[in-house]
Amino acid sequence: MRRIALLFIALCLSLPAVAERKQSFGELDVHYIAFNSSFLQPEIAAAVGLSRGKKQGVLNISLLKAGQPTAAVVSGEMRNLLGQIHTLKFKQVSEGEAIYYLAQFPIEQQEVLRFSLTIQATGGTTHSLDFNQELFPD
């Protein structure tokens, strides 16, 4: 029974890693993932100032330039299939050398959400990133 529990926990922890996506703009790699905030442990959510909830999503953006973390200005919006727009407010989080940007958004029901982002890496050009992702309330 203990092995099954450990396997289940390992699978749950690996799910976000499998769903990660990446877009390259020359030597700038933008990694992004959207997920339900209930995947976060309460202590981790509190440490970075996020709310956990059944109908709360999190968008995580990180940038690597030539394999090294780089700072940026990230902005954007999320749109549902009804055309309702939610402006994303990103906060920068630094942990050691890692830098990433987090924004929260509502998940009202199982739906495909469209994310439109503008990313300007420090000392670089501005890039647009658009992607769709299906999300589910917990």
N, C-alpha and C. Protein backbone atom coordinates (compact mmCIF):
# COMPACT_ATOMS: atom_id res chain seq x y z
N MET A 1 0.83 -1.19 0.00
CA MET A 1 0.00 0.00 0.00
C MET A 1 0.87 1.25 0.00
N ARG A 2 1.95 1.22 0.76
CA ARG A 2 2.84 2.38 0.83
C ARG A 2 3.47 2.66 -0.53
N ARG A 3 3.84 1.61 -1.28
CA ARG A 3 4.42 1.81 -2.60
C ARG A 3 3.43 2.47 -3.55
N ILE A 4 2.18 2.08 -3.47
CA ILE A 4 1.16 2.68 -4.32
C ILE A 4 1.00 4.15 -3.99
N ALA A 5 0.99 4.48 -2.71
CA ALA A 5 0.88 5.89 -2.30
C ALA A 5 2.07 6.69 -2.80
N LEU A 6 3.27 6.15 -2.68
CA LEU A 6 4.47 6.85 -3.17
C LEU A 6 4.44 7.03 -4.68
N LEU A 7 3.98 6.01 -5.39
CA LEU A 7 3.86 6.11 -6.84
C LEU A 7 2.85 7.20 -7.22
N PHE A 8 1.73 7.22 -6.54
CA PHE A 8 0.70 8.22 -6.81
C PHE A 8 1.25 9.63 -6.57
N ILE A 9 1.95 9.83 -5.48
CA ILE A 9 2.53 11.15 -5.18
C ILE A 9 3.55 11.53 -6.25
N ALA A 10 4.40 10.59 -6.66
CA ALA A 10 5.39 10.87 -7.69
C ALA A 10 4.73 11.26 -9.01
N LEU A 11 3.64 10.57 -9.37
CA LEU A 11 2.93 10.89 -10.61
C LEU A 11 2.31 12.28 -10.54
N CYS A 12 1.74 12.63 -9.39
CA CYS A 12 1.13 13.96 -9.23
C CYS A 12 2.17 15.06 -9.33
N LEU A 13 3.34 14.82 -8.77
CA LEU A 13 4.39 15.83 -8.81
C LEU A 13 5.00 15.96 -10.20
N SER A 14 4.99 14.89 -10.97
CA SER A 14 5.58 14.95 -12.31
C SER A 14 4.62 15.50 -13.35
N LEU A 15 3.32 15.56 -13.07
CA LEU A 15 2.34 16.04 -14.03
C LEU A 15 2.66 17.44 -14.56
N PRO A 16 2.93 18.43 -13.71
CA PRO A 16 3.24 19.75 -14.24
C PRO A 16 4.49 19.75 -15.12
N ALA A 17 5.48 18.94 -14.82
CA ALA A 17 6.70 18.91 -15.62
C ALA A 17 6.42 18.39 -17.03
N VAL A 18 5.53 17.42 -17.15
CA VAL A 18 5.18 16.86 -18.44
C VAL A 18 4.44 17.89 -19.29
N ALA A 19 3.66 18.72 -18.66
CA ALA A 19 2.82 19.67 -19.38
C ALA A 19 3.56 20.95 -19.75
N GLU A 20 4.82 21.10 -19.32
CA GLU A 20 5.56 22.32 -19.60
C GLU A 20 5.76 22.50 -21.09
N ARG A 21 5.73 23.74 -21.52
CA ARG A 21 5.95 24.05 -22.92
C ARG A 21 7.05 25.09 -23.05
N LYS A 22 7.63 25.20 -24.25
CA LYS A 22 8.72 26.14 -24.48
C LYS A 22 8.59 26.75 -25.86
N GLN A 23 8.91 28.05 -25.95
CA GLN A 23 8.97 28.75 -27.23
C GLN A 23 10.33 29.44 -27.28
N SER A 24 11.04 29.28 -28.39
CA SER A 24 12.35 29.90 -28.55
C SER A 24 12.26 31.10 -29.48
N PHE A 25 12.95 32.16 -29.07
CA PHE A 25 13.11 33.37 -29.87
C PHE A 25 14.61 33.62 -29.98
N GLY A 26 15.25 33.01 -30.98
CA GLY A 26 16.70 33.09 -31.07
C GLY A 26 17.31 32.37 -29.88
N GLU A 27 18.18 33.06 -29.14
CA GLU A 27 18.82 32.42 -27.98
C GLU A 27 17.99 32.55 -26.70
N LEU A 28 16.81 33.17 -26.80
CA LEU A 28 15.92 33.30 -25.65
C LEU A 28 14.89 32.17 -25.66
N ASP A 29 14.88 31.39 -24.59
CA ASP A 29 13.89 30.32 -24.43
C ASP A 29 12.88 30.74 -23.38
N VAL A 30 11.61 30.72 -23.73
CA VAL A 30 10.54 31.06 -22.80
C VAL A 30 9.82 29.76 -22.44
N HIS A 31 9.87 29.41 -21.17
CA HIS A 31 9.18 28.23 -20.65
C HIS A 31 7.89 28.70 -19.99
N TYR A 32 6.79 28.00 -20.26
CA TYR A 32 5.51 28.42 -19.70
C TYR A 32 4.65 27.22 -19.36
N ILE A 33 3.86 27.40 -18.31
CA ILE A 33 2.94 26.36 -17.89
C ILE A 33 1.79 27.01 -17.12
N ALA A 34 0.58 26.56 -17.40
CA ALA A 34 -0.61 27.00 -16.66
C ALA A 34 -1.18 25.78 -15.95
N PHE A 35 -1.59 25.97 -14.69
CA PHE A 35 -2.10 24.85 -13.91
C PHE A 35 -3.03 25.36 -12.82
N ASN A 36 -3.77 24.45 -12.24
CA ASN A 36 -4.69 24.80 -11.15
C ASN A 36 -3.88 25.07 -9.88
N SER A 37 -4.22 26.13 -9.16
CA SER A 37 -3.45 26.53 -7.98
C SER A 37 -3.51 25.50 -6.86
N SER A 38 -4.46 24.58 -6.89
CA SER A 38 -4.54 23.56 -5.85
C SER A 38 -3.39 22.56 -5.95
N PHE A 39 -2.63 22.56 -7.07
CA PHE A 39 -1.44 21.71 -7.17
C PHE A 39 -0.34 22.18 -6.24
N LEU A 40 -0.38 23.46 -5.86
CA LEU A 40 0.66 24.02 -4.98
C LEU A 40 0.42 23.61 -3.53
N GLN A 41 1.48 23.33 -2.83
CA GLN A 41 1.38 23.10 -1.40
C GLN A 41 1.06 24.43 -0.73
N PRO A 42 0.27 24.45 0.34
CA PRO A 42 -0.10 25.70 0.99
C PRO A 42 1.09 26.57 1.38
N GLU A 43 2.17 25.95 1.86
CA GLU A 43 3.34 26.71 2.28
C GLU A 43 4.02 27.40 1.09
N ILE A 44 4.08 26.70 -0.02
CA ILE A 44 4.70 27.27 -1.21
C ILE A 44 3.87 28.42 -1.75
N ALA A 45 2.56 28.24 -1.82
CA ALA A 45 1.68 29.30 -2.30
C ALA A 45 1.81 30.54 -1.43
N ALA A 46 1.81 30.35 -0.11
CA ALA A 46 1.93 31.48 0.82
C ALA A 46 3.27 32.18 0.65
N ALA A 47 4.33 31.42 0.44
CA ALA A 47 5.66 32.00 0.33
C ALA A 47 5.81 32.91 -0.88
N VAL A 48 5.08 32.63 -1.96
CA VAL A 48 5.17 33.46 -3.16
C VAL A 48 3.95 34.37 -3.33
N GLY A 49 3.07 34.38 -2.34
CA GLY A 49 1.94 35.30 -2.36
C GLY A 49 0.81 34.90 -3.30
N LEU A 50 0.60 33.61 -3.49
CA LEU A 50 -0.48 33.13 -4.35
C LEU A 50 -1.63 32.60 -3.51
N SER A 51 -2.83 32.69 -4.08
CA SER A 51 -4.02 32.12 -3.43
C SER A 51 -4.27 30.74 -4.01
N ARG A 52 -4.57 29.79 -3.14
CA ARG A 52 -4.96 28.47 -3.58
C ARG A 52 -6.48 28.43 -3.62
N GLY A 53 -7.04 27.78 -4.63
CA GLY A 53 -8.48 27.66 -4.71
C GLY A 53 -8.88 26.74 -5.84
N LYS A 54 -10.07 26.19 -5.73
CA LYS A 54 -10.56 25.25 -6.74
C LYS A 54 -10.75 25.91 -8.10
N LYS A 55 -10.98 27.21 -8.10
CA LYS A 55 -11.23 27.91 -9.35
C LYS A 55 -10.19 28.99 -9.61
N GLN A 56 -8.96 28.72 -9.17
CA GLN A 56 -7.85 29.64 -9.38
C GLN A 56 -6.75 28.95 -10.18
N GLY A 57 -6.30 29.57 -11.25
CA GLY A 57 -5.20 29.05 -12.03
C GLY A 57 -3.95 29.87 -11.81
N VAL A 58 -2.82 29.30 -12.18
CA VAL A 58 -1.53 29.97 -12.09
C VAL A 58 -0.81 29.81 -13.42
N LEU A 59 -0.24 30.91 -13.90
CA LEU A 59 0.61 30.87 -15.08
C LEU A 59 2.03 31.15 -14.63
N ASN A 60 2.95 30.26 -14.98
CA ASN A 60 4.35 30.38 -14.61
C ASN A 60 5.18 30.57 -15.88
N ILE A 61 5.96 31.64 -15.92
CA ILE A 61 6.82 31.95 -17.06
C ILE A 61 8.25 32.04 -16.56
N SER A 62 9.17 31.41 -17.26
CA SER A 62 10.60 31.58 -16.95
C SER A 62 11.35 31.73 -18.26
N LEU A 63 12.43 32.51 -18.20
CA LEU A 63 13.20 32.79 -19.40
C LEU A 63 14.66 32.40 -19.20
N LEU A 64 15.21 31.78 -20.23
CA LEU A 64 16.63 31.44 -20.23
C LEU A 64 17.24 32.04 -21.48
N LYS A 65 18.34 32.76 -21.29
CA LYS A 65 19.07 33.33 -22.43
C LYS A 65 20.44 32.68 -22.41
N ALA A 66 20.75 31.96 -23.47
CA ALA A 66 21.99 31.19 -23.55
C ALA A 66 22.13 30.27 -22.34
N GLY A 67 21.01 29.70 -21.91
CA GLY A 67 21.02 28.74 -20.82
C GLY A 67 21.05 29.33 -19.42
N GLN A 68 21.04 30.65 -19.31
CA GLN A 68 21.08 31.32 -18.01
C GLN A 68 19.77 32.05 -17.74
N PRO A 69 19.27 32.02 -16.50
CA PRO A 69 18.04 32.76 -16.18
C PRO A 69 18.22 34.24 -16.50
N THR A 70 17.17 34.84 -17.02
CA THR A 70 17.23 36.26 -17.35
C THR A 70 15.95 36.96 -16.91
N ALA A 71 16.08 38.22 -16.54
CA ALA A 71 14.93 39.01 -16.11
C ALA A 71 14.20 39.55 -17.34
N ALA A 72 12.95 39.93 -17.13
CA ALA A 72 12.13 40.43 -18.23
C ALA A 72 10.99 41.25 -17.68
N VAL A 73 10.30 41.91 -18.59
CA VAL A 73 9.01 42.53 -18.29
C VAL A 73 7.98 41.66 -19.00
N VAL A 74 7.06 41.07 -18.21
CA VAL A 74 6.06 40.16 -18.76
C VAL A 74 4.68 40.75 -18.49
N SER A 75 3.86 40.83 -19.52
CA SER A 75 2.48 41.27 -19.37
C SER A 75 1.61 40.43 -20.29
N GLY A 76 0.30 40.51 -20.08
CA GLY A 76 -0.57 39.75 -20.95
C GLY A 76 -1.98 39.64 -20.44
N GLU A 77 -2.75 38.81 -21.14
CA GLU A 77 -4.13 38.60 -20.77
C GLU A 77 -4.54 37.18 -21.09
N MET A 78 -5.62 36.76 -20.43
CA MET A 78 -6.22 35.46 -20.64
C MET A 78 -7.65 35.71 -21.12
N ARG A 79 -8.06 34.94 -22.11
CA ARG A 79 -9.41 35.08 -22.68
C ARG A 79 -10.07 33.71 -22.71
N ASN A 80 -11.34 33.65 -22.26
CA ASN A 80 -12.06 32.37 -22.34
C ASN A 80 -12.81 32.30 -23.67
N LEU A 81 -13.51 31.20 -23.91
CA LEU A 81 -14.19 31.01 -25.19
C LEU A 81 -15.36 31.97 -25.41
N LEU A 82 -15.86 32.56 -24.32
CA LEU A 82 -16.93 33.56 -24.44
C LEU A 82 -16.38 34.95 -24.77
N GLY A 83 -15.05 35.06 -24.81
CA GLY A 83 -14.42 36.33 -25.11
C GLY A 83 -14.17 37.19 -23.89
N GLN A 84 -14.46 36.68 -22.69
CA GLN A 84 -14.20 37.44 -21.47
C GLN A 84 -12.70 37.51 -21.25
N ILE A 85 -12.21 38.72 -20.94
CA ILE A 85 -10.77 38.97 -20.81
C ILE A 85 -10.41 39.18 -19.35
N HIS A 86 -9.31 38.58 -18.95
CA HIS A 86 -8.75 38.79 -17.62
C HIS A 86 -7.29 39.24 -17.82
N THR A 87 -6.98 40.45 -17.36
CA THR A 87 -5.61 40.96 -17.45
C THR A 87 -4.74 40.23 -16.42
N LEU A 88 -3.61 39.76 -16.88
CA LEU A 88 -2.69 39.02 -16.02
C LEU A 88 -1.71 40.00 -15.36
N LYS A 89 -1.58 39.89 -14.06
CA LYS A 89 -0.64 40.73 -13.31
C LYS A 89 0.48 39.83 -12.80
N PHE A 90 1.63 39.95 -13.41
CA PHE A 90 2.75 39.08 -13.08
C PHE A 90 3.56 39.64 -11.93
N LYS A 91 4.04 38.72 -11.09
CA LYS A 91 4.98 39.09 -10.04
C LYS A 91 6.25 38.29 -10.27
N GLN A 92 7.38 38.97 -10.11
CA GLN A 92 8.67 38.31 -10.28
C GLN A 92 9.05 37.61 -8.99
N VAL A 93 9.51 36.37 -9.11
CA VAL A 93 9.98 35.59 -7.96
C VAL A 93 11.40 35.16 -8.27
N SER A 94 12.31 35.41 -7.34
CA SER A 94 13.70 35.00 -7.49
C SER A 94 14.04 34.02 -6.39
N GLU A 95 14.59 32.89 -6.76
CA GLU A 95 15.04 31.88 -5.82
C GLU A 95 16.44 31.46 -6.24
N GLY A 96 17.44 31.92 -5.50
CA GLY A 96 18.82 31.66 -5.92
C GLY A 96 19.05 32.34 -7.25
N GLU A 97 19.53 31.58 -8.22
CA GLU A 97 19.74 32.14 -9.56
C GLU A 97 18.48 32.12 -10.41
N ALA A 98 17.48 31.34 -10.02
CA ALA A 98 16.25 31.20 -10.82
C ALA A 98 15.39 32.45 -10.72
N ILE A 99 14.81 32.83 -11.85
CA ILE A 99 13.87 33.95 -11.92
C ILE A 99 12.65 33.45 -12.68
N TYR A 100 11.48 33.67 -12.11
CA TYR A 100 10.27 33.32 -12.83
C TYR A 100 9.17 34.31 -12.51
N TYR A 101 8.12 34.28 -13.33
CA TYR A 101 7.02 35.23 -13.24
C TYR A 101 5.73 34.46 -13.08
N LEU A 102 4.93 34.86 -12.09
CA LEU A 102 3.68 34.17 -11.77
C LEU A 102 2.51 35.12 -11.89
N ALA A 103 1.41 34.63 -12.44
CA ALA A 103 0.16 35.39 -12.50
C ALA A 103 -0.98 34.42 -12.21
N GLN A 104 -2.02 34.92 -11.54
CA GLN A 104 -3.20 34.10 -11.26
C GLN A 104 -4.36 34.55 -12.14
N PHE A 105 -5.27 33.61 -12.37
CA PHE A 105 -6.44 33.88 -13.21
C PHE A 105 -7.57 32.95 -12.77
N PRO A 106 -8.81 33.32 -13.06
CA PRO A 106 -9.95 32.47 -12.67
C PRO A 106 -10.16 31.33 -13.66
N ILE A 107 -10.62 30.21 -13.12
CA ILE A 107 -11.06 29.07 -13.94
C ILE A 107 -12.50 28.80 -13.52
N GLU A 108 -13.44 29.21 -14.33
CA GLU A 108 -14.85 29.09 -13.97
C GLU A 108 -15.41 27.68 -14.19
N GLN A 109 -14.93 27.02 -15.22
CA GLN A 109 -15.41 25.69 -15.58
C GLN A 109 -14.36 25.03 -16.45
N GLN A 110 -14.56 23.78 -16.81
CA GLN A 110 -13.64 23.15 -17.75
C GLN A 110 -13.72 23.94 -19.04
N GLU A 111 -12.59 24.49 -19.47
CA GLU A 111 -12.61 25.30 -20.67
C GLU A 111 -11.22 25.45 -21.25
N VAL A 112 -11.18 25.83 -22.52
CA VAL A 112 -9.94 26.14 -23.19
C VAL A 112 -9.74 27.64 -23.05
N LEU A 113 -8.59 28.00 -22.49
CA LEU A 113 -8.26 29.41 -22.28
C LEU A 113 -7.16 29.82 -23.25
N ARG A 114 -7.26 31.05 -23.74
CA ARG A 114 -6.24 31.58 -24.66
C ARG A 114 -5.42 32.62 -23.92
N PHE A 115 -4.12 32.42 -23.92
CA PHE A 115 -3.19 33.33 -23.27
C PHE A 115 -2.43 34.11 -24.34
N SER A 116 -2.37 35.42 -24.17
CA SER A 116 -1.61 36.29 -25.06
C SER A 116 -0.65 37.08 -24.19
N LEU A 117 0.65 36.88 -24.43
CA LEU A 117 1.67 37.48 -23.59
C LEU A 117 2.61 38.35 -24.42
N THR A 118 3.15 39.37 -23.76
CA THR A 118 4.22 40.19 -24.31
C THR A 118 5.40 40.06 -23.37
N ILE A 119 6.55 39.73 -23.92
CA ILE A 119 7.74 39.47 -23.12
C ILE A 119 8.89 40.29 -23.66
N GLN A 120 9.49 41.09 -22.77
CA GLN A 120 10.66 41.86 -23.15
C GLN A 120 11.79 41.51 -22.18
N ALA A 121 12.74 40.72 -22.68
CA ALA A 121 13.89 40.34 -21.85
C ALA A 121 14.77 41.56 -21.66
N THR A 122 15.44 41.62 -20.52
CA THR A 122 16.34 42.73 -20.23
C THR A 122 17.35 42.88 -21.36
N GLY A 123 17.40 44.10 -21.91
CA GLY A 123 18.35 44.39 -22.99
C GLY A 123 18.00 43.73 -24.31
N GLY A 124 16.77 43.25 -24.44
CA GLY A 124 16.40 42.54 -25.67
C GLY A 124 15.19 43.13 -26.35
N THR A 125 14.73 42.43 -27.35
CA THR A 125 13.57 42.87 -28.10
C THR A 125 12.29 42.33 -27.45
N THR A 126 11.17 42.83 -27.91
CA THR A 126 9.87 42.40 -27.39
C THR A 126 9.35 41.25 -28.24
N HIS A 127 8.81 40.23 -27.56
CA HIS A 127 8.28 39.06 -28.24
C HIS A 127 6.83 38.84 -27.80
N SER A 128 6.05 38.28 -28.71
CA SER A 128 4.66 37.91 -28.40
C SER A 128 4.57 36.39 -28.33
N LEU A 129 3.80 35.92 -27.36
CA LEU A 129 3.59 34.49 -27.18
C LEU A 129 2.10 34.27 -26.97
N ASP A 130 1.49 33.47 -27.84
CA ASP A 130 0.08 33.12 -27.75
C ASP A 130 -0.04 31.61 -27.68
N PHE A 131 -0.87 31.14 -26.75
CA PHE A 131 -1.11 29.71 -26.67
C PHE A 131 -2.45 29.44 -26.03
N ASN A 132 -3.00 28.28 -26.30
CA ASN A 132 -4.26 27.81 -25.71
C ASN A 132 -3.94 26.68 -24.73
N GLN A 133 -4.72 26.60 -23.67
CA GLN A 133 -4.58 25.48 -22.77
C GLN A 133 -5.93 25.18 -22.13
N GLU A 134 -6.27 23.89 -22.10
CA GLU A 134 -7.49 23.48 -21.44
C GLU A 134 -7.20 23.29 -19.96
N LEU A 135 -8.05 23.87 -19.13
CA LEU A 135 -7.90 23.78 -17.67
C LEU A 135 -9.22 23.37 -17.05
N PHE A 136 -9.14 22.82 -15.87
CA PHE A 136 -10.29 22.30 -15.16
C PHE A 136 -10.30 22.85 -13.74
N PRO A 137 -11.46 23.29 -13.25
CA PRO A 137 -11.51 23.62 -11.81
C PRO A 137 -11.32 22.34 -11.03
N ASP A 138 -10.77 22.47 -9.85
CA ASP A 138 -10.47 21.29 -9.03
C ASP A 138 -11.71 20.68 -8.43
